[in-house]
Structures are given as structure tokens and as C-alpha cells.
Protein backbone atom coordinates (compact mmCIF):
# COMPACT_ATOMS: atom_id res chain seq x y z
CA UNK A 1 0.00 0.00 0.00
CA UNK A 2 1.21 3.52 -0.74
CA UNK A 3 -0.27 4.56 2.61
CA UNK A 4 -0.64 2.37 5.66
CA UNK A 5 -3.99 0.99 6.81
CA UNK A 6 -5.90 3.47 4.66
CA UNK A 7 -5.48 6.07 7.40
CA UNK A 8 -4.03 9.56 7.17
CA UNK A 9 -0.28 9.02 7.37
CA UNK A 10 1.87 11.66 9.04
CA UNK A 11 5.46 12.52 8.13
CA UNK A 12 7.68 14.20 10.71
CA UNK A 13 9.99 16.23 8.49
CA UNK A 14 13.33 16.59 10.25
CA UNK A 15 14.94 17.81 7.06
CA UNK A 16 17.98 19.84 8.14
CA UNK A 17 16.69 20.54 11.66
CA UNK A 18 19.41 18.21 12.94
CA UNK A 19 21.83 21.10 12.23
CA UNK A 20 24.42 18.55 11.10
CA UNK A 21 24.41 16.85 14.51
CA UNK A 22 23.76 13.10 14.48
CA UNK A 23 22.81 12.99 18.16
CA UNK A 24 20.17 15.66 17.58
CA UNK A 25 18.96 13.78 14.49
CA UNK A 26 18.43 10.61 16.53
CA UNK A 27 16.69 12.50 19.31
CA UNK A 28 14.29 13.94 16.74
CA UNK A 29 13.60 10.46 15.33
CA UNK A 30 12.71 9.27 18.82
CA UNK A 31 10.57 12.34 19.36
CA UNK A 32 8.77 11.77 16.05
CA UNK A 33 7.92 8.25 17.15
CA UNK A 34 6.72 9.47 20.55
CA UNK A 35 4.56 12.10 18.85
CA UNK A 36 2.77 9.43 16.79
CA UNK A 37 4.25 10.10 13.35
CA UNK A 38 4.21 7.25 10.81
CA UNK A 39 7.32 8.41 8.93
CA UNK A 40 10.42 10.40 9.76
CA UNK A 41 12.00 12.24 6.84
CA UNK A 42 15.42 13.67 6.11
CA UNK A 43 16.98 15.40 3.11
CA UNK A 44 20.09 14.26 1.30
CA UNK A 45 22.38 16.00 -1.14
CA UNK A 46 25.90 16.80 -2.09
CA UNK A 47 26.19 20.58 -1.73
CA UNK A 48 28.41 20.86 -4.82
CA UNK A 49 25.84 18.89 -6.84
CA UNK A 50 22.92 20.94 -5.53
CA UNK A 51 24.03 24.54 -6.04
CA UNK A 52 26.62 26.55 -7.93
CA UNK A 53 29.28 28.32 -5.92
CA UNK A 54 27.69 31.68 -6.76
CA UNK A 55 24.06 30.75 -5.90
CA UNK A 56 22.55 33.21 -3.44
CA UNK A 57 20.46 32.25 -0.40
CA UNK A 58 16.68 32.40 -0.69
CA UNK A 59 14.95 35.28 1.09
CA UNK A 60 13.51 32.99 3.76
CA UNK A 61 17.00 31.54 4.38
CA UNK A 62 18.40 35.02 4.90
CA UNK A 63 15.45 35.96 7.10
CA UNK A 64 15.52 32.80 9.22
CA UNK A 65 19.30 32.54 9.65
CA UNK A 66 20.05 36.29 9.69
CA UNK A 67 22.97 35.51 7.36
CA UNK A 68 23.69 36.73 3.84
CA UNK A 69 26.30 34.33 2.55
CA UNK A 70 26.08 31.95 -0.42
CA UNK A 71 23.78 28.92 -0.44
CA UNK A 72 26.71 26.52 -0.54
CA UNK A 73 28.04 28.02 2.70
CA UNK A 74 24.65 27.45 4.34
CA UNK A 75 24.21 23.91 3.04
CA UNK A 76 27.69 22.47 3.51
CA UNK A 77 27.55 22.33 7.34
CA UNK A 78 24.11 20.67 7.12
CA UNK A 79 25.28 17.95 4.74
CA UNK A 80 25.35 14.46 6.22
CA UNK A 81 27.73 11.70 5.14
CA UNK A 82 26.49 8.51 3.49
CA UNK A 83 27.38 6.53 6.61
CA UNK A 84 25.17 8.90 8.61
CA UNK A 85 22.14 7.98 6.47
CA UNK A 86 22.83 4.29 7.05
CA UNK A 87 22.91 5.03 10.77
CA UNK A 88 19.70 7.05 10.69
CA UNK A 89 17.96 4.42 8.57
CA UNK A 90 18.93 1.70 11.05
CA UNK A 91 17.98 3.83 14.06
CA UNK A 92 14.57 4.54 12.52
CA UNK A 93 14.03 0.83 11.95
CA UNK A 94 14.92 0.10 15.57
CA UNK A 95 12.48 2.81 16.68
CA UNK A 96 9.81 1.19 14.45
CA UNK A 97 9.16 4.32 12.43
CA UNK A 98 9.52 4.34 8.64
CA UNK A 99 12.50 6.22 7.18
CA UNK A 100 12.10 8.63 4.24
CA UNK A 101 14.41 11.10 2.59
CA UNK A 102 14.19 13.73 -0.13
CA UNK A 103 17.05 13.69 -2.65
CA UNK A 104 18.15 16.98 -4.21
CA UNK A 105 20.45 15.65 -6.91
CA UNK A 106 20.66 12.56 -9.09
CA UNK A 107 23.53 10.94 -7.17
CA UNK A 108 21.64 11.29 -3.89
CA UNK A 109 18.55 9.81 -5.51
CA UNK A 110 20.58 6.82 -6.70
CA UNK A 111 22.05 6.45 -3.22
CA UNK A 112 18.59 6.21 -1.66
CA UNK A 113 17.46 3.64 -4.21
CA UNK A 114 20.57 1.52 -4.64
CA UNK A 115 22.32 1.77 -1.28
CA UNK A 116 19.59 2.40 1.29
CA UNK A 117 17.05 0.37 -0.73
CA UNK A 118 14.31 2.93 -0.07
CA UNK A 119 10.97 1.85 -1.52
CA UNK A 120 9.47 5.34 -1.22
CA UNK A 121 11.18 8.49 -2.47
CA UNK A 122 9.93 11.95 -1.49
CA UNK A 123 10.40 14.38 -4.38
CA UNK A 124 10.99 17.94 -3.10
CA UNK A 125 9.11 20.82 -4.69
CA UNK A 126 12.27 22.26 -6.21
CA UNK A 127 12.99 19.02 -8.06
CA UNK A 128 9.60 18.54 -9.74
CA UNK A 129 11.13 19.62 -13.07
CA UNK A 130 14.54 18.01 -12.47
CA UNK A 131 14.10 15.28 -15.07
CA UNK A 132 17.76 14.30 -14.76
CA UNK A 133 17.12 13.25 -11.16
CA UNK A 134 13.62 11.92 -11.87
CA UNK A 135 15.04 9.64 -14.57
CA UNK A 136 16.46 7.51 -11.73
CA UNK A 137 12.91 6.67 -10.54
CA UNK A 138 11.33 3.41 -11.63
CA UNK A 139 7.68 3.37 -10.59
CA UNK A 140 7.63 -0.42 -10.82
CA UNK A 141 10.15 -0.48 -7.97
CA UNK A 142 9.64 2.80 -6.09
CA UNK A 143 6.64 4.74 -4.88
CA UNK A 144 6.96 8.51 -4.86
CA UNK A 145 5.47 11.39 -2.89
CA UNK A 146 5.69 14.53 -5.03
CA UNK A 147 5.62 17.97 -3.41
CA UNK A 148 4.17 20.56 -5.77
CA UNK A 149 5.33 23.87 -4.30
CA UNK A 150 5.98 26.58 -6.92
CA UNK A 151 4.43 24.37 -9.63
CA UNK A 152 1.35 24.86 -11.79
CA UNK A 153 -0.91 22.09 -13.07
CA UNK A 154 0.98 21.74 -16.34
CA UNK A 155 4.30 21.21 -14.57
CA UNK A 156 2.74 18.60 -12.29
CA UNK A 157 1.29 16.78 -15.33
CA UNK A 158 4.64 16.90 -17.13
CA UNK A 159 6.36 15.44 -14.08
CA UNK A 160 3.88 12.57 -13.82
CA UNK A 161 4.06 11.87 -17.57
CA UNK A 162 7.85 11.72 -17.34
CA UNK A 163 8.09 9.36 -14.37
CA UNK A 164 5.23 7.24 -15.76
CA UNK A 165 7.04 7.07 -19.12
CA UNK A 166 3.68 7.66 -20.77
CA UNK A 167 1.44 10.58 -21.77
CA UNK A 168 -1.13 9.94 -19.09
CA UNK A 169 -2.27 13.57 -19.21
CA UNK A 170 -2.84 15.92 -22.12
CA UNK A 171 -1.67 19.47 -21.40
CA UNK A 172 -3.12 22.48 -23.18
CA UNK A 173 -2.88 26.04 -21.81
CA UNK A 174 -2.61 24.80 -18.23
CA UNK A 175 -5.75 22.72 -18.71
CA UNK A 176 -5.25 19.05 -18.01
CA UNK A 177 -7.18 16.12 -19.44
CA UNK A 178 -6.71 12.48 -18.63
CA UNK A 179 -5.61 10.66 -21.78
CA UNK A 180 -4.90 7.17 -20.43
CA UNK A 181 -7.41 6.27 -17.74
CA UNK A 182 -6.17 2.68 -17.84
CA UNK A 183 -2.86 3.91 -16.39
CA UNK A 184 -4.48 5.57 -13.38
CA UNK A 185 -5.09 2.41 -11.37
CA UNK A 186 -1.34 1.71 -11.44
CA UNK A 187 -0.39 5.31 -10.64
CA UNK A 188 -2.83 5.49 -7.71
CA UNK A 189 -0.75 2.82 -6.00
CA UNK A 190 2.58 4.49 -6.79
CA UNK A 191 2.14 8.28 -6.48
CA UNK A 192 0.82 10.77 -3.94
CA UNK A 193 0.71 14.40 -5.04
CA UNK A 194 1.31 16.79 -2.17
CA UNK A 195 0.05 20.34 -2.19
CA UNK A 196 2.77 22.61 -0.89
CA UNK A 197 3.66 26.30 -0.79
CA UNK A 198 7.40 26.92 -0.76
CA UNK A 199 8.12 29.50 1.90
CA UNK A 200 9.28 29.07 5.50
CA UNK A 201 7.00 29.91 7.23
CA UNK A 202 4.06 30.41 4.85
CA UNK A 203 1.67 33.25 5.66
CA UNK A 204 -1.92 32.05 6.13
CA UNK A 205 -3.09 34.08 3.13
CA UNK A 206 -0.84 32.05 0.82
CA UNK A 207 -1.62 28.54 2.15
CA UNK A 208 -4.17 28.04 -0.67
CA UNK A 209 -5.62 24.87 0.85
CA UNK A 210 -8.39 24.66 -1.76
CA UNK A 211 -5.67 23.59 -4.19
CA UNK A 212 -5.78 20.17 -2.48
CA UNK A 213 -9.19 19.54 -4.05
CA UNK A 214 -8.07 21.03 -7.38
CA UNK A 215 -5.10 18.65 -7.55
CA UNK A 216 -7.23 15.67 -6.54
CA UNK A 217 -9.97 16.43 -9.09
CA UNK A 218 -7.53 17.21 -11.90
CA UNK A 219 -5.24 14.20 -11.64
CA UNK A 220 -7.53 11.64 -9.98
CA UNK A 221 -4.63 10.54 -7.77
CA UNK A 222 -4.22 10.44 -3.97
CA UNK A 223 -3.35 13.81 -2.47
CA UNK A 224 -1.36 14.93 0.55
CA UNK A 225 -0.22 18.19 2.08
CA UNK A 226 3.29 19.33 2.94
CA UNK A 227 2.72 22.18 5.37
CA UNK A 228 4.98 25.14 6.05
CA UNK A 229 2.52 27.38 7.90
CA UNK A 230 2.94 28.10 11.58
CA UNK A 231 0.75 26.14 13.98
CA UNK A 232 -1.42 23.05 13.52
CA UNK A 233 -4.60 24.41 11.93
CA UNK A 234 -3.63 23.98 8.25
CA UNK A 235 -2.83 20.22 8.46
CA UNK A 236 -6.17 19.55 10.15
CA UNK A 237 -8.06 21.53 7.51
CA UNK A 238 -6.08 19.65 4.84
CA UNK A 239 -7.32 16.37 6.31
CA UNK A 240 -10.92 17.55 5.97
CA UNK A 241 -10.22 18.37 2.30
CA UNK A 242 -9.11 14.83 1.55
CA UNK A 243 -5.36 14.82 2.25
CA UNK A 244 -4.24 11.25 2.96
CA UNK A 245 -0.67 12.21 3.82
CA UNK A 246 0.41 15.12 6.03
CA UNK A 247 3.99 16.36 6.28
CA UNK A 248 5.13 18.84 8.91
CA UNK A 249 8.57 19.94 10.11
CA UNK A 250 9.60 18.87 13.61
CA UNK A 251 12.14 20.66 15.79
CA UNK A 252 13.02 20.82 19.46
CA UNK A 253 12.93 24.60 19.48
CA UNK A 254 11.79 27.11 16.86
CA UNK A 255 14.52 29.47 18.10
CA UNK A 256 17.38 27.18 17.08
CA UNK A 257 19.72 28.38 14.34
CA UNK A 258 18.85 27.06 10.89
CA UNK A 259 16.64 27.85 7.88
CA UNK A 260 13.58 25.70 8.73
CA UNK A 261 13.10 25.84 12.51
CA UNK A 262 10.66 28.77 12.36
CA UNK A 263 8.33 26.78 10.07
CA UNK A 264 8.47 23.73 12.35
CA UNK A 265 6.46 22.42 15.29
CA UNK A 266 7.99 21.60 18.64
CA UNK A 267 7.22 18.13 20.05
CA UNK A 268 4.26 19.32 22.13
CA UNK A 269 2.67 21.01 19.10
CA UNK A 270 3.39 18.06 16.82
CA UNK A 271 1.79 15.62 19.25
CA UNK A 272 -1.27 17.86 19.47
CA UNK A 273 -1.50 17.99 15.67
CA UNK A 274 -1.39 14.18 15.45
CA UNK A 275 -4.02 13.89 18.19
CA UNK A 276 -6.36 16.26 16.34
CA UNK A 277 -5.92 14.45 13.03
CA UNK A 278 -6.66 11.11 14.69
CA UNK A 279 -9.75 12.64 16.31
CA UNK A 280 -10.87 13.88 12.90
CA UNK A 281 -10.49 10.37 11.47
CA UNK A 282 -12.69 8.96 14.22
CA UNK A 283 -15.27 11.70 13.73
CA UNK A 284 -15.60 10.88 10.01
CA UNK A 285 -17.29 7.56 10.75
CA UNK A 286 -18.62 5.24 8.07
CA UNK A 287 -20.82 7.74 6.27
CA UNK A 288 -23.85 5.46 6.68
CA UNK A 289 -26.70 7.48 8.17
CA UNK A 290 -28.21 5.29 10.88
CA UNK A 291 -28.57 5.51 14.68
CA UNK A 292 -25.15 5.26 16.32
CA UNK A 293 -24.60 2.85 19.21
CA UNK A 294 -24.37 5.76 21.64
CA UNK A 295 -27.77 7.07 20.43
CA UNK A 296 -29.75 3.87 20.85
CA UNK A 297 -29.85 4.14 24.64
CA UNK A 298 -31.24 7.68 24.30
CA UNK A 299 -33.94 6.92 21.74
CA UNK A 300 -36.44 5.65 24.34
CA UNK A 301 -36.18 8.89 26.29
CA UNK A 302 -35.76 11.42 23.47
CA UNK A 303 -38.42 10.08 21.08
CA UNK A 304 -42.17 10.08 21.67
CA UNK A 305 -45.34 8.00 21.47
CA UNK A 306 -49.00 8.71 20.76
CA UNK A 307 -50.71 8.99 24.17
CA UNK A 308 -54.12 9.79 25.60
CA UNK A 309 -54.60 13.50 26.26
CA UNK A 310 -57.42 12.69 28.70
CA UNK A 311 -59.52 9.67 29.68
CA UNK A 312 -60.83 7.86 26.59
CA UNK A 313 -63.69 5.37 26.69
CA UNK A 314 -63.93 2.25 24.56
CA UNK A 315 -65.62 2.99 21.22
CA UNK A 316 -64.75 6.70 21.39
CA UNK A 317 -63.19 8.13 18.23
CA UNK A 318 -59.63 9.41 18.48
CA UNK A 319 -59.41 13.15 17.74
CA UNK A 320 -57.22 16.18 18.36
CA UNK A 321 -58.86 16.74 21.74
CA UNK A 322 -58.23 13.31 23.24
CA UNK A 323 -54.79 12.22 21.88
CA UNK A 324 -51.39 13.91 21.62
CA UNK A 325 -47.67 13.09 21.34
CA UNK A 326 -45.36 12.86 24.38
CA UNK A 327 -42.17 11.23 25.59
CA UNK A 328 -41.09 8.41 26.04
CA UNK A 329 -41.13 6.17 22.97
CA UNK A 330 -42.28 2.57 23.02
CA UNK A 331 -45.90 3.14 22.02
CA UNK A 332 -47.36 3.86 18.62
CA UNK A 333 -44.95 5.89 16.50
CA UNK A 334 -45.89 9.61 16.26
CA UNK A 335 -45.54 9.40 12.46
CA UNK A 336 -48.81 7.38 12.56
CA UNK A 337 -50.69 10.17 14.38
CA UNK A 338 -52.89 11.25 11.44
CA UNK A 339 -53.71 7.63 10.60
CA UNK A 340 -55.00 7.14 14.15
CA UNK A 341 -57.28 10.17 14.01
CA UNK A 342 -60.91 9.07 13.42
CA UNK A 343 -60.39 5.45 14.51
CA UNK A 344 -62.32 3.94 17.43
CA UNK A 345 -60.69 3.12 20.75
CA UNK A 346 -60.74 -0.62 21.36
CA UNK A 347 -60.32 -0.17 25.12
CA UNK A 348 -60.43 2.45 27.84
CA UNK A 349 -57.42 4.77 28.27
CA UNK A 350 -56.30 6.97 31.14
CA UNK A 351 -54.44 10.23 30.70
CA UNK A 352 -50.86 9.80 29.31
CA UNK A 353 -51.43 6.10 28.51
CA UNK A 354 -49.76 5.00 25.30
CA UNK A 355 -52.25 4.32 22.50
């Protein structure tokens, strides 16, 4: 299954919040497990493969780190060694939480597939058009979660067509039509498209949560939500809109140095988010409209019966003056009231006696 037990799966995105420290990384894995996450996710790259030496930092990186040096100078200290990923993968397995990582270059993607034997690859938003890296993906062997930050519908369709090695979608002026419906059943088991807005943190006015439904309706594939807003409201709303996979950054402290801590939840907040999502799942129910178990015991008290309004003698006709409707239930159903009117009483009744 691309998601476990058909429930809403939750990814604790550690990303670079380990600050290059393996001990902190392992503590965050343990915390993710304790918070109730289903997956813990890292990022892997080779800084020299990811950015040019002259690439400038993004505005949010400058804002969150209060630094103005080159991207490579920011990323290099956060880069983990290959042996570190083996260690984190093993530690996650021991903690009984599934390990994920997002590759940011083709060599890192190959490492996840060939060395770590990852069966699920998380495609970051910035790599949705990196066909060189995406060419390493084989959907017969790997499942992919695709973040769609910064992308429009055409770019999402082009990405899916490329990894599917087939023109599943026709693209015309950012309008998407399904060309090969027969391919969808396979893709539904291999791909989750994740709505995302690439900023850290994202202002509420840019969260654009309605896009979850747009993506789901357009591509007819499972949808998720990779959240960068502050707080826990957006992921819960996303769940109500049909997101089957929720990703949220986890940190020990939003005040720590690093580019993503301010868009992350601390353990208390993350645990509360998980609790609320699980409550939402329970509240959804089966969708069948019928009395719930908890209601049945109240039906006798809350519903009513047709009763005598006053003393009624045998042979007397029932009318609006001598019968009415009162609690409790157990007598003749009130829906039969107008069918009873005009009929003769077959016995004597006292006031409030069920008819």
C-alpha cells in the first residue's frame, strides 16, 4: 500500500533541523515516534551537486538565519555523510518508524534507491522539473510522494508523464485532461501528489488549501499536504479536504539556528496535531446514516409516542382533543398520528397512557 492501513499518514519532516548533529537527528527520530508520526523524513544531497558556488540564499534563508552568505556556505555544514544515512535508517528501523528522505540531486537519488534500498522516495518541490534526477525513478520499484510547491498544473502533469514514461495527461494552456485512464489504477498505487507552498514559514493568506481539491480532481490521484505554515490548523483543515498524507517539520525549538526551525512544530505542538488528526479520522465515521450505538440508549427517552390527552372510553373516536404526542417512545410511532385520528378506541385509556 502507498499509505498504511488506509489512514491519514503523518510525516515528521526533520529535514535539516538536525543542524548537522547526528545525536540531535536521533533525538528527533525518537521524538517523532513518541509524537505518533508514521514516517520520519530527512533530506540528502551533495552541496556541490545541488548549487553553484555563486548561488545566493533564498529570502527565507536570509530571514531565518540572519545571514547573507552563499547557499553553498549554508548547506555544507548541514550535509550528512552517506554513513550517517545508514545510521539514521537503522535507528529509525529500531524505533519502528519508517524512514524517508528527499534527494536533491541525481547521485543522492541513486544512493537512496541503490544503497539504502528505499521503496518510497519523497520528491521535493524544487525538483519537480529536475528530469535528470527523476530519470532515476522506476515506478515499478519505487513509490513517490511529489511535493508541488511553486508548480502549476501543467508542470505537475509533465512530471507525472515523465516518471510514468507515458502521456497519461494531455496538457493544453494549463488545462489538463486524462488521456490514459487505464494507467491511473497503477499510478494510484505508486504516487501521492502533495500540495505545498514553498516558503518558510508560509503566511496564512498564501496557504491556498483549496488547491488540495483542485489537484485531486484534476489528476484523480491520492493527495497529501506538505505544510509550512505556523501552527497546527492547516494540516487539520487539509485532512478535511481529503489529504491522505500530512507532512510537517519537527524541531526541538523554533529558536534554534537554521533555515527551517521557524516553520516547524515543537514536540508538544506536533503531538497535538497528530491527536487532532486522529480525532478527525474517528469523527468521520462510516458515512452510513443510521442511529449510532451511543444514540440507541437515548432513543427511548428522546423520542415520543402517541398517548391519551385525557380519559378515553372504549368505542370513542380518536381526535385532536383526546390524543397527543409525548415522551417516552415505546408506544405507537408519532408518524402514525394522522392515521390514528378518526379510529375507534378498542379499550379504555387513562391520561398519558400509550395508545
